[in-house]
């Protein structure tokens, strides 16, 4: 596990603290769960991020980042009525 420092505004912290108390989960657990849900969504950025992780070298990463026409699988299915 990695340690992460982040800064949030007071109202968001109070909401997280209250939710933590009610759900009997640590704020860290709530943040991990929320981040996991956010990253699980299939978006253009998530598709691009996965391609970057799978890239073989720096040049391939630069090409991926320069490209802006990625679409998600759901968007592809809708676009081509599959």
PDB file of N, CA and C in Angstrom:
ATOM      1  N   UNK A   1       0.838  -1.179   0.000  1.00  0.00           N
ATOM      2  CA  UNK A   1       0.000   0.000   0.000  1.00  0.00           C
ATOM      3  C   UNK A   1       0.885   1.246   0.000  1.00  0.00           C
ATOM      4  N   UNK A   2       0.408   2.290  -0.651  1.00  0.00           N
ATOM      5  CA  UNK A   2       1.143   3.550  -0.716  1.00  0.00           C
ATOM      6  C   UNK A   2       0.421   4.609   0.098  1.00  0.00           C
ATOM      7  N   UNK A   3       1.199   5.488   0.682  1.00  0.00           N
ATOM      8  CA  UNK A   3       0.637   6.602   1.437  1.00  0.00           C
ATOM      9  C   UNK A   3       0.426   7.770   0.477  1.00  0.00           C
ATOM     10  N   UNK A   4      -0.699   8.474   0.655  1.00  0.00           N
ATOM     11  CA  UNK A   4      -1.050   9.584  -0.216  1.00  0.00           C
ATOM     12  C   UNK A   4      -1.509  10.755   0.639  1.00  0.00           C
ATOM     13  N   UNK A   5      -0.962  11.914   0.384  1.00  0.00           N
ATOM     14  CA  UNK A   5      -1.423  13.135   1.067  1.00  0.00           C
ATOM     15  C   UNK A   5      -2.276  13.929   0.094  1.00  0.00           C
ATOM     16  N   UNK A   6      -3.410  14.416   0.559  1.00  0.00           N
ATOM     17  CA  UNK A   6      -4.236  15.252  -0.287  1.00  0.00           C
ATOM     18  C   UNK A   6      -4.848  16.368   0.544  1.00  0.00           C
ATOM     19  N   UNK A   7      -5.242  17.412  -0.134  1.00  0.00           N
ATOM     20  CA  UNK A   7      -5.847  18.569   0.516  1.00  0.00           C
ATOM     21  C   UNK A   7      -7.287  18.687   0.027  1.00  0.00           C
ATOM     22  N   UNK A   8      -8.212  18.789   0.976  1.00  0.00           N
ATOM     23  CA  UNK A   8      -9.628  18.962   0.639  1.00  0.00           C
ATOM     24  C   UNK A   8     -10.180  20.124   1.456  1.00  0.00           C
ATOM     25  N   UNK A   9     -11.275  20.691   0.986  1.00  0.00           N
ATOM     26  CA  UNK A   9     -11.851  21.816   1.718  1.00  0.00           C
ATOM     27  C   UNK A   9     -12.555  21.324   2.987  1.00  0.00           C
ATOM     28  N   UNK A  10     -12.827  22.246   3.865  1.00  0.00           N
ATOM     29  CA  UNK A  10     -13.371  21.934   5.190  1.00  0.00           C
ATOM     30  C   UNK A  10     -14.705  21.192   5.111  1.00  0.00           C
ATOM     31  N   UNK A  11     -15.608  21.630   4.225  1.00  0.00           N
ATOM     32  CA  UNK A  11     -16.928  20.999   4.163  1.00  0.00           C
ATOM     33  C   UNK A  11     -16.834  19.551   3.671  1.00  0.00           C
ATOM     34  N   UNK A  12     -15.957  19.291   2.713  1.00  0.00           N
ATOM     35  CA  UNK A  12     -15.779  17.923   2.230  1.00  0.00           C
ATOM     36  C   UNK A  12     -15.198  17.044   3.329  1.00  0.00           C
ATOM     37  N   UNK A  13     -14.254  17.586   4.086  1.00  0.00           N
ATOM     38  CA  UNK A  13     -13.672  16.840   5.198  1.00  0.00           C
ATOM     39  C   UNK A  13     -14.735  16.505   6.247  1.00  0.00           C
ATOM     40  N   UNK A  14     -15.586  17.468   6.575  1.00  0.00           N
ATOM     41  CA  UNK A  14     -16.626  17.243   7.577  1.00  0.00           C
ATOM     42  C   UNK A  14     -17.618  16.179   7.097  1.00  0.00           C
ATOM     43  N   UNK A  15     -17.942  16.209   5.798  1.00  0.00           N
ATOM     44  CA  UNK A  15     -18.828  15.182   5.252  1.00  0.00           C
ATOM     45  C   UNK A  15     -18.173  13.801   5.340  1.00  0.00           C
ATOM     46  N   UNK A  16     -16.904  13.739   4.999  1.00  0.00           N
ATOM     47  CA  UNK A  16     -16.179  12.462   5.070  1.00  0.00           C
ATOM     48  C   UNK A  16     -16.079  11.978   6.511  1.00  0.00           C
ATOM     49  N   UNK A  17     -15.814  12.882   7.437  1.00  0.00           N
ATOM     50  CA  UNK A  17     -15.699  12.521   8.848  1.00  0.00           C
ATOM     51  C   UNK A  17     -17.029  11.999   9.377  1.00  0.00           C
ATOM     52  N   UNK A  18     -18.116  12.657   9.022  1.00  0.00           N
ATOM     53  CA  UNK A  18     -19.441  12.236   9.455  1.00  0.00           C
ATOM     54  C   UNK A  18     -19.796  10.871   8.865  1.00  0.00           C
ATOM     55  N   UNK A  19     -19.528  10.717   7.569  1.00  0.00           N
ATOM     56  CA  UNK A  19     -19.800   9.436   6.909  1.00  0.00           C
ATOM     57  C   UNK A  19     -18.940   8.329   7.529  1.00  0.00           C
ATOM     58  N   UNK A  20     -17.711   8.653   7.844  1.00  0.00           N
ATOM     59  CA  UNK A  20     -16.807   7.708   8.482  1.00  0.00           C
ATOM     60  C   UNK A  20     -17.367   7.226   9.815  1.00  0.00           C
ATOM     61  N   UNK A  21     -17.874   8.149  10.598  1.00  0.00           N
ATOM     62  CA  UNK A  21     -18.443   7.825  11.903  1.00  0.00           C
ATOM     63  C   UNK A  21     -19.668   6.926  11.756  1.00  0.00           C
ATOM     64  N   UNK A  22     -20.563   7.304  10.866  1.00  0.00           N
ATOM     65  CA  UNK A  22     -21.820   6.566  10.676  1.00  0.00           C
ATOM     66  C   UNK A  22     -21.563   5.179  10.090  1.00  0.00           C
ATOM     67  N   UNK A  23     -20.670   5.095   9.111  1.00  0.00           N
ATOM     68  CA  UNK A  23     -20.430   3.818   8.425  1.00  0.00           C
ATOM     69  C   UNK A  23     -19.403   2.941   9.140  1.00  0.00           C
ATOM     70  N   UNK A  24     -18.766   3.512  10.169  1.00  0.00           N
ATOM     71  CA  UNK A  24     -17.729   2.789  10.917  1.00  0.00           C
ATOM     72  C   UNK A  24     -16.574   2.363  10.005  1.00  0.00           C
ATOM     73  N   UNK A  25     -16.244   3.247   9.066  1.00  0.00           N
ATOM     74  CA  UNK A  25     -15.109   3.040   8.173  1.00  0.00           C
ATOM     75  C   UNK A  25     -14.161   4.207   8.348  1.00  0.00           C
ATOM     76  N   UNK A  26     -12.894   3.973   8.124  1.00  0.00           N
ATOM     77  CA  UNK A  26     -11.938   5.074   8.189  1.00  0.00           C
ATOM     78  C   UNK A  26     -12.127   5.985   6.977  1.00  0.00           C
ATOM     79  N   UNK A  27     -11.695   7.214   7.108  1.00  0.00           N
ATOM     80  CA  UNK A  27     -11.745   8.139   5.965  1.00  0.00           C
ATOM     81  C   UNK A  27     -10.881   7.577   4.838  1.00  0.00           C
ATOM     82  N   UNK A  28      -9.767   6.959   5.189  1.00  0.00           N
ATOM     83  CA  UNK A  28      -8.914   6.346   4.160  1.00  0.00           C
ATOM     84  C   UNK A  28      -9.663   5.282   3.374  1.00  0.00           C
ATOM     85  N   UNK A  29     -10.444   4.449   4.066  1.00  0.00           N
ATOM     86  CA  UNK A  29     -11.221   3.414   3.383  1.00  0.00           C
ATOM     87  C   UNK A  29     -12.261   4.037   2.466  1.00  0.00           C
ATOM     88  N   UNK A  30     -12.912   5.087   2.923  1.00  0.00           N
ATOM     89  CA  UNK A  30     -13.911   5.779   2.102  1.00  0.00           C
ATOM     90  C   UNK A  30     -13.250   6.359   0.849  1.00  0.00           C
ATOM     91  N   UNK A  31     -12.085   6.971   1.007  1.00  0.00           N
ATOM     92  CA  UNK A  31     -11.368   7.542  -0.137  1.00  0.00           C
ATOM     93  C   UNK A  31     -10.947   6.428  -1.100  1.00  0.00           C
ATOM     94  N   UNK A  32     -10.429   5.308  -0.579  1.00  0.00           N
ATOM     95  CA  UNK A  32     -10.040   4.183  -1.444  1.00  0.00           C
ATOM     96  C   UNK A  32     -11.237   3.663  -2.239  1.00  0.00           C
ATOM     97  N   UNK A  33     -12.369   3.484  -1.563  1.00  0.00           N
ATOM     98  CA  UNK A  33     -13.566   2.988  -2.247  1.00  0.00           C
ATOM     99  C   UNK A  33     -14.048   3.974  -3.313  1.00  0.00           C
ATOM    100  N   UNK A  34     -14.054   5.254  -2.978  1.00  0.00           N
ATOM    101  CA  UNK A  34     -14.491   6.270  -3.936  1.00  0.00           C
ATOM    102  C   UNK A  34     -13.565   6.363  -5.135  1.00  0.00           C
ATOM    103  N   UNK A  35     -12.266   6.301  -4.892  1.00  0.00           N
ATOM    104  CA  UNK A  35     -11.297   6.364  -5.982  1.00  0.00           C
ATOM    105  C   UNK A  35     -11.407   5.124  -6.865  1.00  0.00           C
ATOM    106  N   UNK A  36     -11.623   3.974  -6.257  1.00  0.00           N
ATOM    107  CA  UNK A  36     -11.798   2.740  -7.038  1.00  0.00           C
ATOM    108  C   UNK A  36     -13.018   2.832  -7.941  1.00  0.00           C
ATOM    109  N   UNK A  37     -14.121   3.342  -7.406  1.00  0.00           N
ATOM    110  CA  UNK A  37     -15.328   3.509  -8.226  1.00  0.00           C
ATOM    111  C   UNK A  37     -15.094   4.495  -9.363  1.00  0.00           C
ATOM    112  N   UNK A  38     -14.432   5.598  -9.055  1.00  0.00           N
ATOM    113  CA  UNK A  38     -14.148   6.613 -10.070  1.00  0.00           C
ATOM    114  C   UNK A  38     -13.285   6.031 -11.189  1.00  0.00           C
ATOM    115  N   UNK A  39     -12.240   5.298 -10.815  1.00  0.00           N
ATOM    116  CA  UNK A  39     -11.328   4.755 -11.816  1.00  0.00           C
ATOM    117  C   UNK A  39     -11.930   3.579 -12.585  1.00  0.00           C
ATOM    118  N   UNK A  40     -12.952   2.950 -12.049  1.00  0.00           N
ATOM    119  CA  UNK A  40     -13.601   1.827 -12.725  1.00  0.00           C
ATOM    120  C   UNK A  40     -14.521   2.282 -13.850  1.00  0.00           C
ATOM    121  N   UNK A  41     -14.913   3.552 -13.842  1.00  0.00           N
ATOM    122  CA  UNK A  41     -15.765   4.067 -14.915  1.00  0.00           C
ATOM    123  C   UNK A  41     -14.982   4.061 -16.220  1.00  0.00           C
ATOM    124  N   UNK A  42     -15.624   3.616 -17.290  1.00  0.00           N
ATOM    125  CA  UNK A  42     -14.953   3.603 -18.577  1.00  0.00           C
ATOM    126  C   UNK A  42     -15.184   4.938 -19.273  1.00  0.00           C
ATOM    127  N   UNK A  43     -14.157   5.746 -19.309  1.00  0.00           N
ATOM    128  CA  UNK A  43     -14.194   7.046 -19.969  1.00  0.00           C
ATOM    129  C   UNK A  43     -13.046   7.116 -20.965  1.00  0.00           C
ATOM    130  N   UNK A  44     -13.020   8.158 -21.748  1.00  0.00           N
ATOM    131  CA  UNK A  44     -11.896   8.331 -22.680  1.00  0.00           C
ATOM    132  C   UNK A  44     -10.581   8.393 -21.916  1.00  0.00           C
ATOM    133  N   UNK A  45     -10.566   9.078 -20.792  1.00  0.00           N
ATOM    134  CA  UNK A  45      -9.339   9.166 -20.001  1.00  0.00           C
ATOM    135  C   UNK A  45      -8.923   7.812 -19.451  1.00  0.00           C
ATOM    136  N   UNK A  46      -9.900   7.002 -19.016  1.00  0.00           N
ATOM    137  CA  UNK A  46      -9.538   5.692 -18.466  1.00  0.00           C
ATOM    138  C   UNK A  46      -9.007   4.763 -19.558  1.00  0.00           C
ATOM    139  N   UNK A  47      -9.571   4.864 -20.762  1.00  0.00           N
ATOM    140  CA  UNK A  47      -9.072   4.071 -21.882  1.00  0.00           C
ATOM    141  C   UNK A  47      -7.639   4.483 -22.192  1.00  0.00           C
ATOM    142  N   UNK A  48      -7.412   5.775 -22.242  1.00  0.00           N
ATOM    143  CA  UNK A  48      -6.079   6.293 -22.532  1.00  0.00           C
ATOM    144  C   UNK A  48      -5.089   5.901 -21.428  1.00  0.00           C
ATOM    145  N   UNK A  49      -5.520   5.989 -20.172  1.00  0.00           N
ATOM    146  CA  UNK A  49      -4.659   5.622 -19.043  1.00  0.00           C
ATOM    147  C   UNK A  49      -4.262   4.151 -19.125  1.00  0.00           C
ATOM    148  N   UNK A  50      -5.197   3.283 -19.489  1.00  0.00           N
ATOM    149  CA  UNK A  50      -4.883   1.856 -19.620  1.00  0.00           C
ATOM    150  C   UNK A  50      -3.882   1.623 -20.743  1.00  0.00           C
ATOM    151  N   UNK A  51      -4.044   2.325 -21.853  1.00  0.00           N
ATOM    152  CA  UNK A  51      -3.096   2.203 -22.962  1.00  0.00           C
ATOM    153  C   UNK A  51      -1.700   2.663 -22.540  1.00  0.00           C
ATOM    154  N   UNK A  52      -1.631   3.721 -21.746  1.00  0.00           N
ATOM    155  CA  UNK A  52      -0.335   4.209 -21.255  1.00  0.00           C
ATOM    156  C   UNK A  52       0.315   3.138 -20.381  1.00  0.00           C
ATOM    157  N   UNK A  53      -0.470   2.507 -19.512  1.00  0.00           N
ATOM    158  CA  UNK A  53       0.074   1.454 -18.652  1.00  0.00           C
ATOM    159  C   UNK A  53       0.603   0.276 -19.462  1.00  0.00           C
ATOM    160  N   UNK A  54      -0.014   0.006 -20.602  1.00  0.00           N
ATOM    161  CA  UNK A  54       0.384  -1.128 -21.431  1.00  0.00           C
ATOM    162  C   UNK A  54       1.441  -0.769 -22.475  1.00  0.00           C
ATOM    163  N   UNK A  55       1.799   0.503 -22.578  1.00  0.00           N
ATOM    164  CA  UNK A  55       2.753   0.949 -23.599  1.00  0.00           C
ATOM    165  C   UNK A  55       4.122   0.310 -23.392  1.00  0.00           C
ATOM    166  N   UNK A  56       4.787   0.064 -24.497  1.00  0.00           N
ATOM    167  CA  UNK A  56       6.081  -0.609 -24.446  1.00  0.00           C
ATOM    168  C   UNK A  56       7.260   0.340 -24.236  1.00  0.00           C
ATOM    169  N   UNK A  57       7.093   1.604 -24.656  1.00  0.00           N
ATOM    170  CA  UNK A  57       8.200   2.543 -24.506  1.00  0.00           C
ATOM    171  C   UNK A  57       7.675   3.984 -24.443  1.00  0.00           C
ATOM    172  N   UNK A  58       8.589   4.901 -24.207  1.00  0.00           N
ATOM    173  CA  UNK A  58       8.225   6.312 -24.065  1.00  0.00           C
ATOM    174  C   UNK A  58       7.587   6.872 -25.328  1.00  0.00           C
ATOM    175  N   UNK A  59       8.083   6.471 -26.493  1.00  0.00           N
ATOM    176  CA  UNK A  59       7.530   6.968 -27.754  1.00  0.00           C
ATOM    177  C   UNK A  59       6.069   6.570 -27.902  1.00  0.00           C
ATOM    178  N   UNK A  60       5.740   5.341 -27.531  1.00  0.00           N
ATOM    179  CA  UNK A  60       4.351   4.890 -27.612  1.00  0.00           C
ATOM    180  C   UNK A  60       3.463   5.684 -26.647  1.00  0.00           C
ATOM    181  N   UNK A  61       3.984   5.985 -25.472  1.00  0.00           N
ATOM    182  CA  UNK A  61       3.234   6.800 -24.497  1.00  0.00           C
ATOM    183  C   UNK A  61       2.960   8.182 -25.064  1.00  0.00           C
ATOM    184  N   UNK A  62       3.970   8.807 -25.671  1.00  0.00           N
ATOM    185  CA  UNK A  62       3.803  10.134 -26.252  1.00  0.00           C
ATOM    186  C   UNK A  62       2.767  10.118 -27.378  1.00  0.00           C
ATOM    187  N   UNK A  63       2.758   9.064 -28.180  1.00  0.00           N
ATOM    188  CA  UNK A  63       1.776   8.950 -29.252  1.00  0.00           C
ATOM    189  C   UNK A  63       0.360   8.804 -28.684  1.00  0.00           C
ATOM    190  N   UNK A  64       0.219   8.020 -27.635  1.00  0.00           N
ATOM    191  CA  UNK A  64      -1.087   7.836 -26.996  1.00  0.00           C
ATOM    192  C   UNK A  64      -1.592   9.166 -26.447  1.00  0.00           C
ATOM    193  N   UNK A  65      -0.719   9.889 -25.777  1.00  0.00           N
ATOM    194  CA  UNK A  65      -1.116  11.159 -25.172  1.00  0.00           C
ATOM    195  C   UNK A  65      -1.428  12.228 -26.211  1.00  0.00           C
ATOM    196  N   UNK A  66      -0.823  12.142 -27.387  1.00  0.00           N
ATOM    197  CA  UNK A  66      -1.064  13.118 -28.445  1.00  0.00           C
ATOM    198  C   UNK A  66      -2.388  12.866 -29.156  1.00  0.00           C
ATOM    199  N   UNK A  67      -2.869  11.649 -29.100  1.00  0.00           N
ATOM    200  CA  UNK A  67      -4.095  11.243 -29.781  1.00  0.00           C
ATOM    201  C   UNK A  67      -5.318  11.612 -28.936  1.00  0.00           C
ATOM    202  N   UNK A  68      -6.354  12.171 -29.566  1.00  0.00           N
ATOM    203  CA  UNK A  68      -7.545  12.582 -28.823  1.00  0.00           C
ATOM    204  C   UNK A  68      -8.831  11.914 -29.302  1.00  0.00           C
ATOM    205  N   UNK A  69      -8.731  10.922 -30.152  1.00  0.00           N
ATOM    206  CA  UNK A  69      -9.948  10.362 -30.726  1.00  0.00           C
ATOM    207  C   UNK A  69     -10.310   8.982 -30.190  1.00  0.00           C
ATOM    208  N   UNK A  70      -9.959   8.701 -28.948  1.00  0.00           N
ATOM    209  CA  UNK A  70     -10.343   7.431 -28.335  1.00  0.00           C
ATOM    210  C   UNK A  70     -11.802   7.494 -27.912  1.00  0.00           C
ATOM    211  N   UNK A  71     -12.493   6.372 -28.062  1.00  0.00           N
ATOM    212  CA  UNK A  71     -13.857   6.286 -27.556  1.00  0.00           C
ATOM    213  C   UNK A  71     -13.972   5.017 -26.716  1.00  0.00           C
ATOM    214  N   UNK A  72     -14.901   5.027 -25.793  1.00  0.00           N
ATOM    215  CA  UNK A  72     -15.102   3.860 -24.947  1.00  0.00           C
ATOM    216  C   UNK A  72     -15.822   2.771 -25.733  1.00  0.00           C
ATOM    217  N   UNK A  73     -15.810   1.571 -25.191  1.00  0.00           N
ATOM    218  CA  UNK A  73     -16.506   0.462 -25.837  1.00  0.00           C
ATOM    219  C   UNK A  73     -18.002   0.748 -25.934  1.00  0.00           C
ATOM    220  N   UNK A  74     -18.581   1.321 -24.878  1.00  0.00           N
ATOM    221  CA  UNK A  74     -20.012   1.664 -24.907  1.00  0.00           C
ATOM    222  C   UNK A  74     -20.317   2.680 -26.001  1.00  0.00           C
ATOM    223  N   UNK A  75     -19.454   3.681 -26.143  1.00  0.00           N
ATOM    224  CA  UNK A  75     -19.648   4.684 -27.195  1.00  0.00           C
ATOM    225  C   UNK A  75     -19.546   4.044 -28.584  1.00  0.00           C
ATOM    226  N   UNK A  76     -18.621   3.100 -28.730  1.00  0.00           N
ATOM    227  CA  UNK A  76     -18.449   2.395 -29.999  1.00  0.00           C
ATOM    228  C   UNK A  76     -19.705   1.599 -30.343  1.00  0.00           C
ATOM    229  N   UNK A  77     -20.239   0.876 -29.357  1.00  0.00           N
ATOM    230  CA  UNK A  77     -21.442   0.077 -29.564  1.00  0.00           C
ATOM    231  C   UNK A  77     -22.610   0.971 -29.979  1.00  0.00           C
ATOM    232  N   UNK A  78     -22.784   2.100 -29.308  1.00  0.00           N
ATOM    233  CA  UNK A  78     -23.868   3.024 -29.648  1.00  0.00           C
ATOM    234  C   UNK A  78     -23.672   3.621 -31.044  1.00  0.00           C
ATOM    235  N   UNK A  79     -22.435   4.007 -31.339  1.00  0.00           N
ATOM    236  CA  UNK A  79     -22.158   4.657 -32.604  1.00  0.00           C
ATOM    237  C   UNK A  79     -22.437   3.733 -33.791  1.00  0.00           C
ATOM    238  N   UNK A  80     -22.114   2.444 -33.637  1.00  0.00           N
ATOM    239  CA  UNK A  80     -22.264   1.495 -34.739  1.00  0.00           C
ATOM    240  C   UNK A  80     -23.456   0.552 -34.551  1.00  0.00           C
ATOM    241  N   UNK A  81     -24.351   0.909 -33.621  1.00  0.00           N
ATOM    242  CA  UNK A  81     -25.586   0.140 -33.384  1.00  0.00           C
ATOM    243  C   UNK A  81     -25.324  -1.355 -33.237  1.00  0.00           C
ATOM    244  N   UNK A  82     -24.358  -1.699 -32.431  1.00  0.00           N
ATOM    245  CA  UNK A  82     -24.026  -3.125 -32.226  1.00  0.00           C
ATOM    246  C   UNK A  82     -24.716  -3.680 -31.012  1.00  0.00           C
TER     247      UNK A  82
END
